[in-house]
Amino acid sequence: MAEVINMPKMSDTMTEGVIVSWLKNVGDDIKPGDILAEVETDKATMELENFVKGTLLHIGIPAGGSVPVDALIAIVGQKGEDISALLTAPTKATSTEAKPEIASSPLEIEAPIAAENNHSSSDSRVKASPLAKSLAKEKGIDINAVAGSGDNGRIVKKDIENYTPSAKTNLVSSASLPQIVAQESYSEIAVSQMRKVIARRLSESKHTAPHFYLTMSINMDKTIAARKQMNEYSEAKISVNDIIIKAVALALRKNPQANSSWLGDKIRYNNHIHIGVAVAIEDGLIVPVVKFADNKSLAHISTEVKQLADKAKNKKLQPNEFEGNTFTISNLGMFGIDEFTAIINPPDACILAVGAAKETVVAENGQMKISQVMKVTLSCDHRVVDGAVGSAFLGTLKDLLENPVKMLV
């Protein structure tokens, strides 16, 4: 009974293949192991090896032609067999139940080889399959010394594999190559409950909240100078992140629409300001909350953030210490990240992604100077916060960080 040969999917991104050449003609008897054709995919040129015994009754696409994956390219059967029904039958490419598995085709994909012909002038005159040439080059075999067993003396893969060089053959000595001993390995760990919750919550946030992003550059020269002066008097060592938390809280006080939540049938505008601060721990990420941050001093914020971070890393946070956030900050500046976007932390409508302050050439009063510039990106839930609201919030934050004395009045 005749069998249809369809174009197999030879790479994960392949949608069609080009027949570079047919190595068998209609009417030829073929057997398992014969190479039928050379096919060019989106990544390489590959050989198609036949696994059916019979006669090549039909070639569906000429050399140089392209065909979609799963479309008919050939039919193999018995001489004189009627194949008209197979020629009119729908192919896998048009079937709603198409299965892309390569195993359904009586062809085997040998191995990818480079589409470019990089052989020497003497090598290019040898009648050999691309795979045979590639293997010969890999093994250091002079392909001119190999006898071919294919049609018209064509050299195929098995000729290279079975080739035994004579004493005069110039080979690359395997003894001269370093012996590399390696083994593939991997490790797996069970997903922790924390990681499961993080995955679920952030997946829900990303797929349900329509995110949009606003990025702004902030000159941090005055904030860095102010921090240095503050630490000369403060018992608690104040960080740039502590100042950012305070500035965000004050910016939310002036832009309360950004301090909100989507509740499905209503929007909640929070009058209190609870800032979630993302902390990386061994099991993933947790967000302890600095509550009423707008009413706390920088020294208070600094001490509280350190205490919460220590508890988080030692898994001693209490539920009331990581619940109730109305806005979240994720700061990767200490890792050297210039800028990034963050996924909104429910139930917040916004999250601020903070990058590192970097020395940057800026123009000031017509003069060029070096300043410490920090990029921040605000992720907003468009169901609650519009572009104008997000922009106004970032404008206030920029003003406070570029003029930190305003946080005192």
Protein backbone atom coordinates (compact mmCIF):
# COMPACT_ATOMS: atom_id res chain seq x y z
CA MET A 1 0.00 0.00 0.00
CA ALA A 2 1.37 3.38 -1.00
CA GLU A 3 2.51 5.76 1.71
CA VAL A 4 2.47 9.56 1.62
CA ILE A 5 5.63 11.37 2.69
CA ASN A 6 4.93 14.81 4.14
CA MET A 7 7.33 17.65 4.85
CA PRO A 8 8.40 17.14 8.49
CA LYS A 9 9.00 19.98 10.92
CA MET A 10 12.77 20.02 11.28
CA SER A 11 13.15 22.92 13.72
CA ASP A 12 10.99 24.55 16.34
CA THR A 13 10.49 27.65 14.18
CA MET A 14 10.17 25.98 10.77
CA THR A 15 6.96 26.67 8.83
CA GLU A 16 8.08 25.58 5.37
CA GLY A 17 10.98 23.82 3.66
CA VAL A 18 12.75 24.27 0.34
CA ILE A 19 13.72 21.19 -1.67
CA VAL A 20 17.37 21.87 -2.53
CA SER A 21 17.66 18.71 -4.63
CA TRP A 22 16.01 15.34 -5.18
CA LEU A 23 18.47 12.48 -4.94
CA LYS A 24 15.99 9.92 -6.28
CA ASN A 25 13.77 10.05 -9.35
CA VAL A 26 10.23 8.84 -9.98
CA GLY A 27 10.41 5.14 -10.80
CA ASP A 28 13.52 4.48 -8.70
CA ASP A 29 13.41 1.60 -6.28
CA ILE A 30 14.26 2.82 -2.79
CA LYS A 31 15.03 1.10 0.46
CA PRO A 32 15.40 2.14 4.07
CA GLY A 33 18.54 4.21 4.55
CA ASP A 34 18.41 5.89 1.14
CA ILE A 35 18.60 9.69 1.14
CA LEU A 36 15.65 11.03 -0.81
CA ALA A 37 16.31 14.75 -0.80
CA GLU A 38 18.16 17.67 0.69
CA VAL A 39 15.86 20.19 2.36
CA GLU A 40 16.69 23.73 3.42
CA THR A 41 14.92 24.92 6.57
CA ASP A 42 15.02 28.26 8.33
CA LYS A 43 18.15 27.13 10.19
CA ALA A 44 20.11 24.60 8.09
CA THR A 45 20.16 22.20 5.15
CA MET A 46 19.20 18.67 6.18
CA GLU A 47 19.07 15.26 4.59
CA LEU A 48 15.83 13.26 4.54
CA GLU A 49 16.44 9.55 4.97
CA ASN A 50 13.85 7.09 3.71
CA PHE A 51 12.49 4.30 5.90
CA VAL A 52 10.06 2.72 3.43
CA LYS A 53 10.79 -0.01 0.91
CA GLY A 54 9.20 0.41 -2.50
CA THR A 55 9.20 2.57 -5.59
CA LEU A 56 9.16 6.34 -5.70
CA LEU A 57 5.82 6.87 -7.47
CA HIS A 58 5.38 10.62 -7.19
CA ILE A 59 7.36 13.77 -6.41
CA GLY A 60 5.07 16.53 -5.23
CA ILE A 61 7.42 19.49 -5.31
CA PRO A 62 10.30 20.11 -7.76
CA ALA A 63 13.83 21.01 -6.73
CA GLY A 64 13.99 24.66 -5.73
CA GLY A 65 10.35 24.74 -4.67
CA SER A 66 9.06 25.42 -1.16
CA VAL A 67 6.29 23.62 0.66
CA PRO A 68 4.60 24.12 4.06
CA VAL A 69 5.27 21.76 6.92
CA ASP A 70 3.05 18.64 6.74
CA ALA A 71 2.31 19.11 3.02
CA LEU A 72 2.79 16.17 0.63
CA ILE A 73 6.23 15.97 -0.97
CA ALA A 74 6.35 12.39 -2.27
CA ILE A 75 4.54 9.04 -2.48
CA VAL A 76 6.21 5.63 -2.16
CA GLY A 77 4.51 2.36 -3.06
CA GLN A 78 4.49 -0.59 -5.47
CA LYS A 79 5.09 -0.15 -9.21
CA GLY A 80 1.87 0.41 -11.10
CA GLU A 81 -0.11 1.18 -7.92
CA ASP A 82 -3.01 3.63 -8.29
CA ILE A 83 -2.23 6.72 -6.18
CA SER A 84 -4.92 9.07 -7.50
CA ALA A 85 -6.84 8.93 -4.22
CA LEU A 86 -3.75 9.99 -2.27
CA LEU A 87 -3.12 12.90 -4.62
CA THR A 88 -6.62 14.30 -4.06
CA ALA A 89 -6.83 13.55 -0.32
CA PRO A 90 -6.29 16.45 2.12
CA THR A 91 -2.78 16.54 3.56
CA LYS A 92 -1.83 17.00 7.20
CA ALA A 93 -1.11 20.64 6.47
CA THR A 94 -4.81 21.24 5.79
CA SER A 95 -6.26 18.85 8.36
CA THR A 96 -7.73 20.29 11.57
CA GLU A 97 -6.27 17.30 13.39
CA ALA A 98 -2.76 17.78 12.11
CA LYS A 99 -0.06 16.30 14.30
CA PRO A 100 3.37 17.87 13.91
CA GLU A 101 5.30 14.88 15.29
CA ILE A 102 8.15 13.95 12.98
CA ALA A 103 7.70 10.28 13.88
CA SER A 104 4.49 10.17 11.80
CA SER A 105 6.59 10.54 8.63
CA PRO A 106 8.64 7.66 7.21
CA LEU A 107 11.60 10.04 7.03
CA GLU A 108 14.34 10.59 9.54
CA ILE A 109 16.08 13.89 10.08
CA GLU A 110 19.77 13.07 10.03
CA ALA A 111 21.40 16.14 11.51
CA PRO A 112 21.57 19.86 10.79
CA ILE A 113 24.43 21.01 8.62
CA ALA A 114 25.43 24.47 7.50
CA ALA A 115 23.62 25.69 4.41
CA GLU A 116 26.73 27.43 3.12
CA ASN A 117 29.14 25.39 0.98
CA ASN A 118 32.52 26.08 2.58
CA HIS A 119 34.49 23.26 0.92
CA SER A 120 37.73 23.67 -0.97
CA SER A 121 37.81 23.60 -4.75
CA SER A 122 38.82 19.92 -4.86
CA ASP A 123 36.25 19.02 -2.22
CA SER A 124 33.42 20.79 -4.07
CA ARG A 125 33.96 18.59 -7.14
CA VAL A 126 33.41 15.41 -5.13
CA LYS A 127 29.93 13.96 -5.45
CA ALA A 128 28.86 13.76 -1.81
CA SER A 129 25.92 14.67 0.36
CA PRO A 130 26.25 17.78 2.52
CA LEU A 131 26.07 15.63 5.63
CA ALA A 132 28.88 13.38 4.37
CA LYS A 133 31.04 16.44 3.68
CA SER A 134 30.32 17.84 7.12
CA LEU A 135 31.19 14.56 8.84
CA ALA A 136 34.38 14.20 6.80
CA LYS A 137 35.48 17.67 7.79
CA GLU A 138 34.65 16.98 11.44
CA LYS A 139 36.62 13.71 11.45
CA GLY A 140 39.55 15.15 9.51
CA ILE A 141 38.97 12.78 6.58
CA ASP A 142 40.08 13.70 3.07
CA ILE A 143 36.79 13.15 1.28
CA ASN A 144 38.64 12.64 -2.03
CA ALA A 145 39.97 9.37 -0.61
CA VAL A 146 36.53 7.97 0.22
CA ALA A 147 34.71 5.59 -2.12
CA GLY A 148 31.01 6.32 -2.47
CA SER A 149 28.32 3.64 -2.25
CA GLY A 150 25.42 5.80 -3.33
CA ASP A 151 23.98 6.39 -6.76
CA ASN A 152 26.69 7.06 -9.37
CA GLY A 153 29.35 6.77 -6.70
CA ARG A 154 27.85 9.47 -4.46
CA ILE A 155 29.42 9.58 -0.99
CA VAL A 156 26.84 9.32 1.80
CA LYS A 157 26.93 9.35 5.59
CA LYS A 158 27.63 5.64 6.07
CA ASP A 159 30.65 5.83 3.75
CA ILE A 160 32.28 8.33 6.09
CA GLU A 161 31.31 6.37 9.19
CA ASN A 162 32.71 3.14 7.74
CA TYR A 163 35.82 4.67 6.21
CA THR A 164 39.16 3.21 7.29
CA PRO A 165 42.11 5.40 6.28
CA SER A 166 45.22 3.96 4.72
CA ALA A 167 48.57 4.58 6.29
CA LYS A 168 49.24 7.42 3.83
CA THR A 169 45.97 9.25 4.49
CA ASN A 170 46.52 12.56 6.21
CA LEU A 171 44.26 12.60 9.25
CA VAL A 172 44.05 14.82 12.28
CA SER A 173 45.36 12.61 15.07
CA SER A 174 42.84 12.12 17.83
CA ALA A 175 45.77 11.60 20.20
CA SER A 176 46.73 15.25 19.70
CA LEU A 177 43.35 16.46 20.93
CA PRO A 178 42.70 16.98 24.65
CA GLN A 179 40.38 14.37 26.10
CA ILE A 180 37.34 16.10 27.55
CA VAL A 181 35.37 14.09 30.08
CA ALA A 182 32.00 15.65 30.88
CA GLN A 183 28.52 14.58 31.74
CA GLU A 184 25.20 16.32 31.33
CA SER A 185 23.44 16.91 34.62
CA TYR A 186 20.85 19.07 36.32
CA SER A 187 19.15 19.46 39.65
CA GLU A 188 15.52 19.99 40.56
CA ILE A 189 13.89 21.29 43.70
CA ALA A 190 10.27 21.29 44.75
CA VAL A 191 8.53 24.65 44.32
CA SER A 192 8.10 26.29 47.71
CA GLN A 193 4.74 27.60 48.78
CA MET A 194 6.12 31.14 48.68
CA ARG A 195 7.25 30.69 45.09
CA LYS A 196 3.86 29.21 44.19
CA VAL A 197 2.08 32.23 45.65
CA ILE A 198 4.45 34.65 43.91
CA ALA A 199 3.90 32.87 40.59
CA ARG A 200 0.14 32.84 40.97
CA ARG A 201 -0.25 36.44 42.12
CA LEU A 202 2.09 37.95 39.55
CA SER A 203 0.66 35.84 36.73
CA GLU A 204 -2.82 37.02 37.65
CA SER A 205 -1.61 40.61 37.86
CA LYS A 206 0.18 40.53 34.50
CA HIS A 207 -2.72 38.87 32.68
CA THR A 208 -5.62 40.76 34.29
CA ALA A 209 -4.24 44.27 34.85
CA PRO A 210 -3.54 46.21 31.64
CA HIS A 211 -0.03 47.48 32.42
CA PHE A 212 1.48 50.58 30.89
CA TYR A 213 4.85 52.09 31.73
CA LEU A 214 6.23 55.57 32.28
CA THR A 215 9.99 56.17 32.57
CA MET A 216 11.67 59.30 33.90
CA SER A 217 15.28 60.35 34.55
CA ILE A 218 16.00 62.05 37.89
CA ASN A 219 19.10 64.05 38.80
CA MET A 220 20.20 62.65 42.17
CA ASP A 221 23.09 65.04 42.90
CA LYS A 222 21.26 66.98 45.65
CA THR A 223 19.75 63.85 47.20
CA ILE A 224 23.18 62.18 47.42
CA ALA A 225 24.68 65.33 48.94
CA ALA A 226 21.78 65.66 51.40
CA ARG A 227 22.14 62.01 52.45
CA LYS A 228 25.81 62.58 53.23
CA GLN A 229 24.95 65.52 55.47
CA MET A 230 22.07 63.67 57.17
CA ASN A 231 24.30 60.74 58.09
CA GLU A 232 26.64 63.11 59.93
CA TYR A 233 23.85 63.65 62.48
CA SER A 234 21.53 60.66 62.23
CA GLU A 235 22.02 57.67 64.53
CA ALA A 236 20.43 55.45 61.87
CA LYS A 237 22.37 55.23 58.63
CA ILE A 238 20.03 56.62 55.98
CA SER A 239 20.23 55.08 52.50
CA VAL A 240 19.19 56.52 49.15
CA ASN A 241 16.39 53.94 49.14
CA ASP A 242 15.07 55.34 52.44
CA ILE A 243 14.91 58.79 50.88
CA ILE A 244 13.12 57.36 47.82
CA ILE A 245 10.51 55.72 50.09
CA LYS A 246 9.87 59.02 51.85
CA ALA A 247 9.71 60.94 48.54
CA VAL A 248 7.28 58.39 47.06
CA ALA A 249 5.04 58.66 50.14
CA LEU A 250 4.96 62.46 49.90
CA ALA A 251 4.34 62.31 46.13
CA LEU A 252 1.38 60.01 46.76
CA ARG A 253 0.00 62.50 49.29
CA LYS A 254 -0.07 65.09 46.48
CA ASN A 255 -1.30 62.58 43.85
CA PRO A 256 -3.79 60.36 45.74
CA GLN A 257 -5.19 58.80 42.55
CA ALA A 258 -1.96 56.82 42.22
CA ASN A 259 -2.52 55.44 45.74
CA SER A 260 -5.45 53.29 44.67
CA SER A 261 -6.75 49.79 43.96
CA TRP A 262 -9.04 48.13 41.40
CA LEU A 263 -11.77 46.13 43.16
CA GLY A 264 -13.76 44.97 40.15
CA ASP A 265 -16.98 46.93 40.55
CA LYS A 266 -15.36 49.89 42.30
CA ILE A 267 -12.06 51.77 42.67
CA ARG A 268 -10.62 52.33 46.12
CA TYR A 269 -8.65 55.52 46.75
CA ASN A 270 -6.64 55.02 49.93
CA ASN A 271 -6.25 57.93 52.32
CA HIS A 272 -3.43 56.17 54.18
CA ILE A 273 -0.06 55.52 52.53
CA HIS A 274 1.51 52.09 53.10
CA ILE A 275 4.66 51.54 51.01
CA GLY A 276 5.59 47.96 50.13
CA VAL A 277 9.34 47.46 49.74
CA ALA A 278 10.34 44.42 47.66
CA VAL A 279 13.01 42.30 49.38
CA ALA A 280 14.80 39.38 47.72
CA ILE A 281 15.13 36.30 49.93
CA GLU A 282 16.25 32.73 49.32
CA ASP A 283 12.79 31.42 48.40
CA GLY A 284 11.86 34.32 46.15
CA LEU A 285 10.52 37.77 46.83
CA ILE A 286 8.53 39.22 49.70
CA VAL A 287 7.18 42.72 50.21
CA PRO A 288 7.23 43.98 53.80
CA VAL A 289 5.23 47.16 54.30
CA VAL A 290 6.25 50.50 55.80
CA LYS A 291 2.91 51.77 57.05
CA PHE A 292 2.01 55.48 57.18
CA ALA A 293 5.35 56.19 55.51
CA ASP A 294 4.42 59.79 54.77
CA ASN A 295 4.24 60.53 58.51
CA LYS A 296 7.58 58.94 59.45
CA SER A 297 11.02 60.54 59.59
CA LEU A 298 13.86 59.28 57.42
CA ALA A 299 15.62 57.85 60.48
CA HIS A 300 12.43 55.98 61.42
CA ILE A 301 11.99 54.65 57.89
CA SER A 302 15.65 53.56 57.76
CA THR A 303 15.43 51.63 61.04
CA GLU A 304 12.10 50.03 60.15
CA VAL A 305 13.20 48.92 56.68
CA LYS A 306 16.32 47.26 58.12
CA GLN A 307 14.26 45.46 60.76
CA LEU A 308 11.69 44.26 58.21
CA ALA A 309 14.40 43.11 55.79
CA ASP A 310 16.15 41.12 58.54
CA LYS A 311 12.88 39.49 59.54
CA ALA A 312 12.11 38.68 55.91
CA LYS A 313 15.48 36.98 55.36
CA ASN A 314 15.06 34.98 58.59
CA LYS A 315 11.43 34.11 57.74
CA LYS A 316 10.11 35.81 60.86
CA LEU A 317 7.77 38.35 59.27
CA GLN A 318 4.28 38.41 60.70
CA PRO A 319 1.28 38.69 58.33
CA ASN A 320 0.55 42.26 59.43
CA GLU A 321 4.09 43.19 58.36
CA PHE A 322 3.66 42.13 54.72
CA GLU A 323 0.01 42.97 54.14
CA GLY A 324 -1.86 46.21 53.48
CA ASN A 325 0.41 47.83 50.88
CA THR A 326 -1.13 50.61 48.80
CA PHE A 327 1.94 51.23 46.59
CA THR A 328 5.12 49.20 46.00
CA ILE A 329 8.77 50.04 45.27
CA SER A 330 11.21 47.59 43.66
CA ASN A 331 14.80 48.85 43.71
CA LEU A 332 17.50 46.97 41.76
CA GLY A 333 19.93 49.86 41.71
CA MET A 334 22.23 48.14 44.21
CA PHE A 335 22.67 45.36 41.64
CA GLY A 336 23.83 47.79 38.96
CA ILE A 337 20.59 47.64 36.95
CA ASP A 338 20.09 50.85 34.97
CA GLU A 339 16.34 50.48 34.41
CA PHE A 340 13.64 47.81 34.27
CA THR A 341 9.90 47.33 34.43
CA ALA A 342 8.12 45.63 37.32
CA ILE A 343 4.83 43.72 37.53
CA ILE A 344 2.18 45.41 39.66
CA ASN A 345 1.86 43.94 43.15
CA PRO A 346 -1.87 43.43 43.88
CA PRO A 347 -3.90 45.12 45.18
CA ASP A 348 -1.85 48.19 44.24
CA ALA A 349 -2.53 50.10 41.05
CA CYS A 350 1.15 51.10 40.67
CA ILE A 351 4.68 49.87 41.29
CA LEU A 352 7.86 51.91 40.91
CA ALA A 353 10.95 50.22 39.47
CA VAL A 354 14.14 52.02 40.55
CA GLY A 355 17.47 51.72 38.76
CA ALA A 356 20.98 52.71 39.75
CA ALA A 357 22.21 56.28 39.88
CA LYS A 358 24.87 56.53 37.14
CA GLU A 359 27.35 59.23 36.22
CA THR A 360 25.85 60.90 33.16
CA VAL A 361 26.72 63.93 31.06
CA VAL A 362 23.91 66.47 31.37
CA ALA A 363 23.34 70.00 30.08
CA GLU A 364 22.79 72.73 32.67
CA ASN A 365 22.53 76.42 31.81
CA GLY A 366 24.17 75.76 28.46
CA GLN A 367 27.11 73.93 30.03
CA MET A 368 27.94 70.23 30.09
CA LYS A 369 28.52 68.57 33.46
CA ILE A 370 28.65 65.14 35.08
CA SER A 371 25.69 64.28 37.31
CA GLN A 372 24.33 61.22 39.05
CA VAL A 373 21.18 60.33 37.09
CA MET A 374 18.70 57.66 38.14
CA LYS A 375 15.97 56.19 35.95
CA VAL A 376 12.65 55.13 37.41
CA THR A 377 9.79 53.36 35.64
CA LEU A 378 6.24 53.46 36.92
CA SER A 379 4.03 50.49 36.02
CA CYS A 380 0.37 51.50 36.10
CA ASP A 381 -2.91 49.59 36.03
CA HIS A 382 -4.72 51.40 33.24
CA ARG A 383 -8.10 50.46 34.70
CA VAL A 384 -7.37 52.85 37.57
CA VAL A 385 -4.47 55.14 36.71
CA ASP A 386 -4.31 57.08 33.46
CA GLY A 387 -1.20 58.45 31.81
CA ALA A 388 -1.79 61.95 33.11
CA VAL A 389 -2.09 60.72 36.70
CA GLY A 390 1.06 58.61 36.45
CA SER A 391 2.96 61.47 34.83
CA ALA A 392 1.88 63.92 37.52
CA PHE A 393 3.04 61.52 40.24
CA LEU A 394 6.46 61.07 38.59
CA GLY A 395 6.76 64.84 38.14
CA THR A 396 6.20 65.38 41.88
CA LEU A 397 8.66 62.59 42.76
CA LYS A 398 11.30 64.08 40.47
CA ASP A 399 10.86 67.51 42.04
CA LEU A 400 11.25 66.11 45.57
CA LEU A 401 14.36 64.07 44.79
CA GLU A 402 16.02 66.85 42.83
CA ASN A 403 15.19 69.29 45.65
CA PRO A 404 15.14 67.15 48.83
CA VAL A 405 14.78 70.18 51.08
CA LYS A 406 11.13 70.27 49.93
CA MET A 407 10.53 67.07 51.90
CA LEU A 408 11.00 69.08 55.06
CA VAL A 409 8.25 71.63 54.39
